[in-house]
């Protein structure tokens, strides 16, 4: 954010329950079972039980420490931002939200519109969607884009022919006969039981960043041939300490999982992708039914209507907040401009200098015309095909 600091103050804050805020709503109980699940997979029903029990142990501990988990949500976070603005003496704020940060920004625009001068929403997460119901559709769309791009690229299609069928055949083979993959992670030697479902998850996360997605066709073919070098780099991430799991569940349970939402859109995902995400998200529904005991506010599933100046940025290959979500939000904002960035994934301003330039120009003059010519010069996703 050096470019921002050249012309503006940049306020970066830890939302309540996260970072260095106190109390931070960590759930080590949930993190501690991850190695066991990676190394000794269980049935779907047993996975639901283990994850549910871990989260509820976390809830009970937080409650015993005097934490009121019902006050950790986006509306409270938006009120905190407004209080922070007042304490620092600013009349208005330019918002920069990424992923869930866009949902928080939208909530601030709804609840405290006078505090906002403008907003950049990067990889937008609307209030009216249900992330968990839509995951198979969002992921399926992103995987399809990857396969289509590779098929249309002469170098990629030559090096990795029939990528789509190779991938899904490999998922089926690994689910039927998982293979052990050894690696050093979390300070110890590990032996991960590598399944087709875990392959879907690894590649899904890789689609967030174009620099990682560029290696995914090679990784698929390497795994098929028993070469796990690239895979090991991605698996190590599962052993890294996560964010504040307790805060995540408080937010998702109070404004997402238990509320109605718009119907998922787009073609039906493949059975492999649909099956994986159905199994991996099922524990969260079980947790939310018992997490706080308070009823979600229906307003948290309603679209935000506003005439504030907003710049909405979307990545073509984003696997979790698809471009259609940005379009959905922009349609309810009478003073919004929407732009999609080819060959980009999640968090566009992280990987696109063009998006960065546009955001900086927008903050200087939110009501003026915006030059988006640089989008047309963004190159297609370039795949790594070996030396």
Foldseek 3Di string as FASTA:
>chain_A
DVVCVVPHDDDDDAFALWDPHPPNQAQVLQLVCLQVCQAPPDDLVVVLVSNLVSLVVSLVVCVVVVDQLLCQALLNRLVVVVVVCVVVPHQADEEEAFDVRQLSVLSNCQPPVRRHQEYEYFLHDWLQAFLLQQLLVLQQQLVVVLVVLQCVDVLSCVLQPPLVVLLVVQQVVCQVPWDWDWDQAPNGIGTGRDHSLVVSVLVLVLLQFLVSSLAVSVCSVCVVVVHCPVVRVSVNVSNDRDINVSSVLSHCLQRHDPAHHDHHDDDRGDPSSVVSSVSVCVSSNVNSVPNNPDHHDNVSNDARAEQRQYEYEAECSARRRHLVNSVVNQVRHNRYDYDYAASHYGPRVVHDPLVVVQVVVCVVPSNDDTDNVVRVVDDHRNHDSDD
